[in-house]
N, C-alpha and C. Protein backbone atom coordinates (compact mmCIF):
# COMPACT_ATOMS: atom_id res chain seq x y z
N MET A 1 0.73 -1.25 0.08
CA MET A 1 0.11 -0.45 -0.18
C MET A 1 1.20 1.19 -0.10
N ASN A 2 0.76 2.13 -0.77
CA ASN A 2 1.54 3.48 -0.86
C ASN A 2 1.24 4.43 -0.09
N ALA A 3 1.71 5.56 -0.09
CA ALA A 3 1.07 6.80 1.11
C ALA A 3 0.19 7.12 0.86
N SER A 4 -0.73 7.35 -0.43
CA SER A 4 -2.08 7.71 -0.28
C SER A 4 -2.97 6.70 0.08
N GLN A 5 -2.82 5.60 -0.44
CA GLN A 5 -3.76 4.71 -0.15
C GLN A 5 -3.84 4.55 1.27
N GLU A 6 -2.69 4.61 2.21
CA GLU A 6 -2.91 4.61 3.24
C GLU A 6 -3.55 5.60 3.67
N LYS A 7 -3.27 6.63 3.45
CA LYS A 7 -3.95 8.14 3.91
C LYS A 7 -5.42 7.88 3.42
N SER A 8 -5.98 7.15 2.59
CA SER A 8 -7.22 6.94 2.40
C SER A 8 -8.12 6.16 2.83
N ALA A 9 -7.29 4.60 3.32
CA ALA A 9 -8.02 3.62 4.17
C ALA A 9 -8.00 4.41 5.43
N ALA A 10 -7.09 5.38 5.91
CA ALA A 10 -6.95 5.68 7.46
C ALA A 10 -8.38 6.59 7.18
N SER A 11 -8.65 7.57 6.41
CA SER A 11 -10.17 8.46 7.01
C SER A 11 -11.03 7.33 6.58
N LEU A 12 -11.33 6.64 6.14
CA LEU A 12 -12.54 5.46 6.02
C LEU A 12 -12.76 4.85 7.23
N CYS A 13 -11.90 4.39 7.87
CA CYS A 13 -11.89 3.81 9.30
C CYS A 13 -10.90 4.48 10.34
N ASP A 14 -11.61 5.05 10.87
CA ASP A 14 -10.72 5.91 11.82
C ASP A 14 -11.28 5.22 13.32
N THR A 15 -10.79 4.19 13.59
CA THR A 15 -11.10 3.71 14.65
C THR A 15 -10.97 5.09 16.23
N LYS A 16 -9.83 5.57 16.15
CA LYS A 16 -9.83 6.46 17.03
C LYS A 16 -10.76 7.23 17.27
N ALA A 17 -11.30 8.23 16.19
CA ALA A 17 -12.25 9.03 15.99
C ALA A 17 -13.59 8.35 16.74
N MET A 18 -14.02 7.37 16.17
CA MET A 18 -15.08 6.51 16.27
C MET A 18 -15.33 5.97 17.98
N SER A 19 -14.14 5.63 18.64
CA SER A 19 -14.15 5.17 19.86
C SER A 19 -14.34 6.41 20.72
N LEU A 20 -13.71 8.12 20.06
CA LEU A 20 -13.97 9.03 21.25
C LEU A 20 -15.48 9.65 21.03
N ALA A 21 -15.80 9.19 19.86
CA ALA A 21 -17.34 9.56 19.44
C ALA A 21 -18.20 8.90 20.73
N ALA A 22 -18.02 7.69 20.52
CA ALA A 22 -19.23 6.56 21.46
C ALA A 22 -18.76 6.20 22.67
N ASP A 23 -18.00 7.10 23.25
CA ASP A 23 -17.04 7.06 24.84
C ASP A 23 -18.12 8.27 25.45
N PRO A 24 -18.64 8.21 26.05
CA PRO A 24 -19.53 9.04 26.99
C PRO A 24 -18.37 9.55 27.92
N LYS A 25 -18.69 11.07 28.14
CA LYS A 25 -17.97 11.47 29.31
C LYS A 25 -18.95 11.97 30.55
N SER A 26 -20.13 12.02 30.13
CA SER A 26 -21.02 11.52 31.68
C SER A 26 -22.28 11.23 31.65
N VAL A 27 -22.85 10.00 31.82
CA VAL A 27 -24.23 9.68 31.40
C VAL A 27 -25.29 9.63 32.76
N LYS A 28 -26.07 10.67 32.78
CA LYS A 28 -27.37 11.07 33.62
C LYS A 28 -28.58 9.98 33.29
N VAL A 29 -29.25 9.48 33.90
CA VAL A 29 -30.71 8.50 33.36
C VAL A 29 -31.35 8.99 34.93
N ASN A 30 -32.56 9.74 34.07
CA ASN A 30 -33.38 10.34 35.22
C ASN A 30 -35.12 9.40 35.43
N LYS A 31 -34.61 8.19 36.20
CA LYS A 31 -35.21 7.39 36.44
C LYS A 31 -36.35 7.74 37.06
N THR A 32 -36.04 8.72 38.22
CA THR A 32 -37.23 8.59 39.24
C THR A 32 -38.12 9.81 38.26
N ALA A 33 -37.69 10.99 37.76
CA ALA A 33 -38.12 12.31 36.84
C ALA A 33 -38.91 11.21 35.72
N GLY A 34 -38.64 10.04 35.57
CA GLY A 34 -38.86 9.41 34.13
C GLY A 34 -38.95 9.90 32.68
N THR A 35 -38.00 10.88 32.55
CA THR A 35 -38.11 11.68 31.84
C THR A 35 -36.77 11.49 30.38
N GLY A 36 -35.83 10.66 31.13
CA GLY A 36 -34.93 9.89 29.73
C GLY A 36 -33.60 9.81 30.47
N MET A 37 -32.78 9.69 29.19
CA MET A 37 -31.23 9.49 29.56
C MET A 37 -30.82 10.52 28.91
N GLU A 38 -29.50 11.54 29.42
CA GLU A 38 -28.77 12.29 28.97
C GLU A 38 -27.38 12.33 29.06
N ILE A 39 -26.74 12.01 28.01
CA ILE A 39 -25.47 11.40 27.44
C ILE A 39 -24.59 12.80 27.11
N GLU A 40 -23.42 13.29 27.49
CA GLU A 40 -22.44 13.92 27.38
C GLU A 40 -21.49 13.18 26.70
N TRP A 41 -20.96 13.53 25.50
CA TRP A 41 -19.75 12.23 25.15
C TRP A 41 -18.63 13.19 25.04
N LYS A 42 -17.79 12.73 25.16
CA LYS A 42 -15.80 13.19 25.31
C LYS A 42 -15.69 13.72 23.95
N ASP A 43 -16.20 14.10 22.83
CA ASP A 43 -16.29 14.69 21.99
C ASP A 43 -17.07 16.33 21.86
N GLY A 44 -17.48 16.21 22.92
CA GLY A 44 -18.40 17.60 23.13
C GLY A 44 -19.85 17.18 22.58
N HIS A 45 -20.26 16.07 21.91
CA HIS A 45 -21.60 16.25 21.35
C HIS A 45 -22.59 15.92 22.52
N HIS A 46 -23.76 16.16 22.65
CA HIS A 46 -24.92 15.91 23.85
C HIS A 46 -25.90 14.95 23.15
N SER A 47 -26.64 13.98 23.59
CA SER A 47 -27.72 13.52 23.48
C SER A 47 -28.68 13.13 24.48
N SER A 48 -29.72 13.51 23.97
CA SER A 48 -30.91 13.34 25.04
C SER A 48 -31.94 12.26 24.60
N TYR A 49 -32.05 11.21 25.33
CA TYR A 49 -33.16 9.85 24.83
C TYR A 49 -34.34 10.00 25.82
N PRO A 50 -35.25 10.11 25.47
CA PRO A 50 -36.54 10.17 26.18
C PRO A 50 -36.37 8.15 26.20
N PHE A 51 -37.08 7.89 27.53
CA PHE A 51 -37.55 6.45 27.69
C PHE A 51 -38.50 5.97 26.39
N VAL A 52 -39.26 6.59 25.62
CA VAL A 52 -40.22 6.06 25.22
C VAL A 52 -39.26 5.66 23.77
N TYR A 53 -38.36 6.62 23.67
CA TYR A 53 -37.41 6.11 22.67
C TYR A 53 -36.01 5.27 22.86
N LEU A 54 -35.82 5.28 23.68
CA LEU A 54 -35.04 4.01 23.95
C LEU A 54 -36.00 2.63 23.79
N ARG A 55 -36.74 2.59 24.54
CA ARG A 55 -38.16 1.21 24.27
C ARG A 55 -37.94 1.06 22.92
N ASP A 56 -38.62 1.80 22.29
CA ASP A 56 -38.85 2.07 20.91
C ASP A 56 -37.55 0.90 20.30
N ALA A 57 -36.71 1.59 20.88
CA ALA A 57 -35.04 1.36 19.92
C ALA A 57 -34.03 -0.07 20.57
N CYS A 58 -34.95 -0.66 21.51
CA CYS A 58 -34.29 -1.72 21.81
C CYS A 58 -33.18 -2.50 20.95
N PRO A 59 -32.22 -2.79 21.35
CA PRO A 59 -31.25 -3.78 20.20
C PRO A 59 -31.63 -5.19 20.36
N CYS A 60 -32.57 -5.73 21.22
CA CYS A 60 -32.42 -6.88 21.48
C CYS A 60 -32.60 -7.70 20.23
N ALA A 61 -32.38 -8.59 19.87
CA ALA A 61 -32.79 -9.46 18.62
C ALA A 61 -34.71 -9.67 18.28
N LEU A 62 -35.39 -9.84 19.32
CA LEU A 62 -36.21 -9.97 19.34
C LEU A 62 -36.83 -8.45 18.47
N CYS A 63 -36.59 -7.55 19.39
CA CYS A 63 -37.25 -6.14 19.09
C CYS A 63 -36.69 -5.62 17.98
N ASN A 64 -35.84 -6.13 17.31
CA ASN A 64 -35.05 -5.70 16.34
C ASN A 64 -35.58 -6.46 14.81
N GLU A 65 -36.13 -7.39 15.02
CA GLU A 65 -36.44 -8.60 13.78
C GLU A 65 -37.95 -7.83 13.79
N GLU A 66 -38.49 -7.41 14.65
CA GLU A 66 -40.00 -6.72 14.95
C GLU A 66 -39.73 -5.31 14.07
N ARG A 67 -39.01 -4.87 14.25
CA ARG A 67 -38.57 -3.54 13.46
C ARG A 67 -38.35 -3.54 11.91
N ILE A 68 -37.60 -4.62 11.96
CA ILE A 68 -37.17 -5.09 10.48
C ILE A 68 -38.86 -5.55 9.37
N ARG A 69 -39.32 -5.89 10.23
CA ARG A 69 -40.41 -6.70 9.62
C ARG A 69 -41.68 -5.66 9.53
N ASP A 70 -41.52 -4.65 10.30
CA ASP A 70 -42.60 -3.75 10.31
C ASP A 70 -42.04 -2.07 9.60
N GLY A 71 -40.55 -2.56 9.18
CA GLY A 71 -39.89 -1.47 8.05
C GLY A 71 -39.53 0.03 9.21
N ARG A 72 -39.46 -0.16 10.60
CA ARG A 72 -39.34 0.83 11.19
C ARG A 72 -37.82 0.81 11.59
N HIS A 73 -37.41 1.95 11.98
CA HIS A 73 -35.99 2.19 12.36
C HIS A 73 -35.99 2.05 14.08
N PRO A 74 -34.72 2.54 14.56
CA PRO A 74 -34.48 2.34 15.96
C PRO A 74 -35.45 3.23 16.58
N GLY A 75 -36.17 3.57 17.55
CA GLY A 75 -36.42 4.64 18.09
C GLY A 75 -38.06 4.88 17.67
N ASP A 76 -38.51 4.38 16.39
CA ASP A 76 -39.79 4.93 15.51
C ASP A 76 -40.93 3.84 16.41
N PRO A 77 -42.23 4.42 16.63
CA PRO A 77 -43.21 4.02 17.93
C PRO A 77 -43.99 2.90 16.61
N LEU A 78 -44.35 1.91 17.18
CA LEU A 78 -45.35 0.60 16.56
C LEU A 78 -46.34 1.51 15.81
N ARG A 79 -46.18 1.07 14.42
CA ARG A 79 -47.46 1.72 13.56
C ARG A 79 -48.94 1.40 14.15
N PRO A 80 -49.83 2.31 14.15
CA PRO A 80 -50.99 1.58 14.34
C PRO A 80 -51.69 0.77 13.00
N VAL A 81 -52.28 -0.47 13.84
CA VAL A 81 -52.88 -1.53 13.03
C VAL A 81 -54.29 -1.32 11.96
N ALA A 82 -54.56 -1.13 11.32
CA ALA A 82 -55.93 -0.76 10.53
C ALA A 82 -56.76 -1.37 10.82
N GLY A 83 -57.99 -0.98 11.27
CA GLY A 83 -58.94 -1.69 11.87
C GLY A 83 -58.82 -2.12 13.18
N GLN A 84 -57.79 -1.99 14.26
CA GLN A 84 -58.08 -2.16 15.45
C GLN A 84 -57.99 -0.89 16.13
N LEU A 85 -58.72 -1.01 17.51
CA LEU A 85 -58.92 0.23 18.33
C LEU A 85 -57.47 0.24 18.67
N PRO A 86 -57.24 1.20 19.24
CA PRO A 86 -56.06 1.81 19.98
C PRO A 86 -56.36 1.24 21.14
N MET A 87 -55.09 0.69 21.92
CA MET A 87 -55.39 0.08 23.47
C MET A 87 -54.76 1.01 24.38
N PHE A 88 -54.64 1.28 25.64
CA PHE A 88 -54.22 2.32 26.43
C PHE A 88 -52.90 1.55 26.64
N LYS A 89 -51.93 2.08 26.27
CA LYS A 89 -50.65 1.78 26.88
C LYS A 89 -49.48 2.35 27.87
N ALA A 90 -49.04 2.33 28.79
CA ALA A 90 -48.46 3.46 29.80
C ALA A 90 -47.11 3.57 29.00
N LEU A 91 -46.68 4.65 29.09
CA LEU A 91 -45.54 5.30 28.86
C LEU A 91 -44.62 4.25 29.33
N ALA A 92 -43.54 4.28 28.47
CA ALA A 92 -42.12 3.21 28.69
C ALA A 92 -41.67 4.00 29.85
N ARG A 93 -41.30 3.41 30.98
CA ARG A 93 -40.28 3.82 31.74
C ARG A 93 -39.40 2.48 32.53
N PRO A 94 -38.34 2.93 32.98
CA PRO A 94 -37.32 2.16 33.49
C PRO A 94 -37.81 1.39 34.74
N THR A 95 -37.66 0.37 35.18
CA THR A 95 -38.28 0.10 36.40
C THR A 95 -36.55 -0.52 37.34
N ASP A 96 -35.91 -0.84 36.28
CA ASP A 96 -34.21 -1.12 36.88
C ASP A 96 -33.67 -0.05 35.61
N VAL A 97 -32.32 -0.09 36.06
CA VAL A 97 -30.99 0.54 34.94
C VAL A 97 -29.84 -0.10 35.87
N THR A 98 -29.03 -0.87 34.83
CA THR A 98 -27.74 -1.32 35.14
C THR A 98 -26.55 -1.17 34.03
N PRO A 99 -25.96 -0.73 34.53
CA PRO A 99 -24.60 -0.62 33.69
C PRO A 99 -24.00 -1.78 33.44
N ILE A 100 -23.64 -1.99 32.33
CA ILE A 100 -22.80 -3.54 31.63
C ILE A 100 -21.29 -2.90 31.48
N GLY A 101 -20.55 -3.43 32.84
CA GLY A 101 -19.24 -3.06 32.38
C GLY A 101 -18.62 -1.46 32.44
N ARG A 102 -18.08 -1.31 31.04
CA ARG A 102 -17.50 0.48 30.85
C ARG A 102 -18.11 0.27 29.32
N TYR A 103 -18.95 -0.36 28.73
CA TYR A 103 -19.50 -0.31 27.50
C TYR A 103 -21.13 -0.04 27.18
N ALA A 104 -21.75 -0.40 28.28
CA ALA A 104 -23.23 -0.52 27.77
C ALA A 104 -24.05 -0.38 28.95
N MET A 105 -25.37 -0.07 29.13
CA MET A 105 -26.48 0.08 30.09
C MET A 105 -27.77 -1.15 29.56
N ARG A 106 -28.30 -1.65 30.64
CA ARG A 106 -29.49 -2.66 30.41
C ARG A 106 -30.78 -1.75 31.62
N PHE A 107 -31.79 -2.06 30.58
CA PHE A 107 -32.89 -1.41 31.25
C PHE A 107 -33.81 -2.67 31.46
N VAL A 108 -34.80 -2.80 32.58
CA VAL A 108 -35.67 -3.43 32.72
C VAL A 108 -36.93 -2.57 32.47
N TRP A 109 -37.90 -2.65 31.41
CA TRP A 109 -38.70 -1.97 31.51
C TRP A 109 -40.27 -1.87 32.08
N ASN A 110 -40.90 -0.94 32.18
CA ASN A 110 -42.45 -1.57 32.81
C ASN A 110 -43.23 -2.81 32.16
N ASP A 111 -43.07 -2.77 31.11
CA ASP A 111 -43.81 -4.03 30.24
C ASP A 111 -42.95 -5.10 30.39
N GLY A 112 -42.15 -5.51 31.32
CA GLY A 112 -41.52 -6.89 31.36
C GLY A 112 -40.36 -6.74 30.85
N HIS A 113 -40.15 -6.14 29.81
CA HIS A 113 -38.83 -6.50 28.88
C HIS A 113 -37.67 -6.11 29.79
N GLU A 114 -36.58 -7.19 28.96
CA GLU A 114 -35.21 -6.39 29.43
C GLU A 114 -34.25 -7.09 28.92
N HIS A 115 -34.46 -7.45 27.59
CA HIS A 115 -33.32 -7.97 27.20
C HIS A 115 -32.12 -7.47 26.28
N GLY A 116 -32.79 -6.09 26.10
CA GLY A 116 -31.44 -5.41 25.39
C GLY A 116 -30.90 -4.83 26.39
N ILE A 117 -29.64 -4.76 25.54
CA ILE A 117 -28.44 -4.32 25.90
C ILE A 117 -27.63 -3.01 25.14
N TYR A 118 -27.67 -1.84 25.51
CA TYR A 118 -27.62 -0.50 25.02
C TYR A 118 -26.36 -0.21 25.23
N THR A 119 -25.20 -0.52 23.89
CA THR A 119 -23.84 -0.22 24.02
C THR A 119 -23.97 1.14 23.98
N TRP A 120 -22.43 1.70 24.12
CA TRP A 120 -22.46 3.14 23.90
C TRP A 120 -22.42 3.10 22.56
N ASN A 121 -21.69 2.43 21.68
CA ASN A 121 -21.71 2.85 20.38
C ASN A 121 -23.17 2.61 19.40
N TYR A 122 -24.02 1.81 20.28
CA TYR A 122 -25.44 1.95 19.73
C TYR A 122 -26.24 3.35 19.90
N LEU A 123 -25.65 3.66 21.61
CA LEU A 123 -26.77 4.78 21.82
C LEU A 123 -26.22 5.88 20.86
N ARG A 124 -24.94 6.36 20.11
CA ARG A 124 -24.47 7.49 19.66
C ARG A 124 -24.79 6.97 18.28
N GLU A 125 -24.93 5.78 17.66
CA GLU A 125 -25.53 5.32 16.60
C GLU A 125 -27.20 5.95 16.29
N ILE A 126 -27.66 5.73 17.10
CA ILE A 126 -29.07 6.44 17.08
C ILE A 126 -29.70 7.57 18.16
N CYS A 127 -28.87 8.77 18.50
CA CYS A 127 -28.85 9.57 18.87
C CYS A 127 -29.92 10.52 18.26
N PRO A 128 -31.15 10.98 18.84
CA PRO A 128 -32.22 11.68 18.49
C PRO A 128 -32.19 13.00 17.92
N CYS A 129 -31.03 13.68 18.35
CA CYS A 129 -30.66 14.96 17.98
C CYS A 129 -31.12 15.37 16.36
N PRO A 130 -31.38 16.59 16.25
CA PRO A 130 -32.04 16.90 14.85
C PRO A 130 -30.66 16.71 14.03
N GLU A 131 -29.36 17.10 14.08
CA GLU A 131 -27.93 16.83 13.49
C GLU A 131 -28.13 15.53 13.68
N CYS A 132 -27.69 14.55 14.18
CA CYS A 132 -27.53 13.01 14.19
C CYS A 132 -28.78 12.67 13.27
N LYS A 133 -29.81 13.30 13.45
CA LYS A 133 -31.08 12.32 12.56
C LYS A 133 -30.98 12.82 11.18
N MET A 134 -30.60 14.16 10.90
CA MET A 134 -30.18 14.53 9.64
C MET A 134 -29.16 13.54 8.80
N LYS A 135 -28.17 13.70 9.43
CA LYS A 135 -26.69 12.66 9.02
C LYS A 135 -27.47 11.41 8.53
N ARG A 136 -28.44 10.74 9.33
CA ARG A 136 -28.78 9.29 9.16
C ARG A 136 -29.49 9.02 8.18
N GLU A 137 -30.50 10.36 7.85
CA GLU A 137 -31.38 10.20 7.18
C GLU A 137 -31.06 10.50 5.24
N SER A 138 -29.77 11.35 5.64
CA SER A 138 -29.10 11.73 4.37
C SER A 138 -28.08 10.59 4.02
N THR A 139 -27.97 9.55 4.94
CA THR A 139 -26.59 8.83 4.15
C THR A 139 -28.03 7.26 4.10
N SER A 140 -28.94 7.22 4.52
CA SER A 140 -29.75 5.86 4.33
C SER A 140 -30.05 5.86 2.90
N GLY A 141 -30.23 6.57 1.92
CA GLY A 141 -30.45 6.41 0.39
C GLY A 141 -29.05 6.04 -0.08
N LEU A 142 -28.38 6.91 0.31
CA LEU A 142 -27.28 5.84 -0.36
C LEU A 142 -26.81 4.66 -0.11
N ALA A 143 -27.17 4.57 1.24
CA ALA A 143 -26.67 3.11 1.52
C ALA A 143 -27.48 2.20 0.50
N ASP A 144 -29.24 2.57 1.09
CA ASP A 144 -29.82 1.51 -0.16
C ASP A 144 -29.50 1.83 -1.14
N ASP A 145 -29.49 2.84 -2.06
CA ASP A 145 -28.94 2.68 -3.62
C ASP A 145 -27.51 1.93 -3.80
N MET A 146 -26.42 2.13 -2.73
CA MET A 146 -25.64 0.98 -2.98
C MET A 146 -25.60 -0.36 -2.56
N ALA A 147 -26.62 -1.10 -1.82
CA ALA A 147 -26.73 -2.01 -1.95
C ALA A 147 -27.48 -2.77 -2.89
N GLU A 148 -28.53 -1.92 -3.63
CA GLU A 148 -29.22 -2.09 -4.99
C GLU A 148 -28.09 -2.42 -5.87
N HIS A 149 -27.40 -1.51 -5.91
CA HIS A 149 -26.12 -1.75 -6.94
C HIS A 149 -25.53 -3.16 -6.85
N ASP A 150 -25.01 -3.37 -5.78
CA ASP A 150 -24.42 -4.41 -5.47
C ASP A 150 -24.99 -5.84 -5.45
N SER A 151 -26.49 -5.87 -5.29
CA SER A 151 -27.40 -6.82 -5.46
C SER A 151 -27.49 -7.27 -7.13
N ARG A 152 -27.41 -6.22 -7.62
CA ARG A 152 -27.18 -6.70 -9.56
C ARG A 152 -26.08 -7.45 -9.76
N LYS A 153 -26.96 -8.71 -10.36
CA LYS A 153 -25.65 -9.37 -11.11
C LYS A 153 -25.40 -8.99 -12.77
N PRO A 154 -24.28 -9.03 -12.87
CA PRO A 154 -23.72 -8.48 -14.64
C PRO A 154 -24.48 -9.66 -15.32
N ASN A 155 -24.85 -9.08 -16.26
CA ASN A 155 -25.64 -10.21 -17.73
C ASN A 155 -24.70 -10.64 -18.54
């Protein structure tokens, strides 16, 4: 690999920058107030996650499969089913919050669900702030186009 290729490869995968971006400086879980979780990241970014958003973004295999099947993204609420009356559902709140080592948080939700492990990387990826949401939305179309292009077989 020549010098320009090394420089290009380094800019594509800068693990040092990625680890800094997903490394929290401080974490505050407002369990008693029921408002959500606040994370200040070491790179200066601030994320505010309402509990309802976190519950709808549960990263466990079951919830992820359900989101994929429904065409939802992490944090998107369930879509109403046509013809069904809406049922009352209490707002999502954690009954317990536990740090998992130095890399994640685990929530036990008031609906009994407790399988998701929210890693710092995952939380940074799903940050609901307008800036992060705009970045995700602007690159998702490109990713879809690239996947479609890659799936085409040459004639």
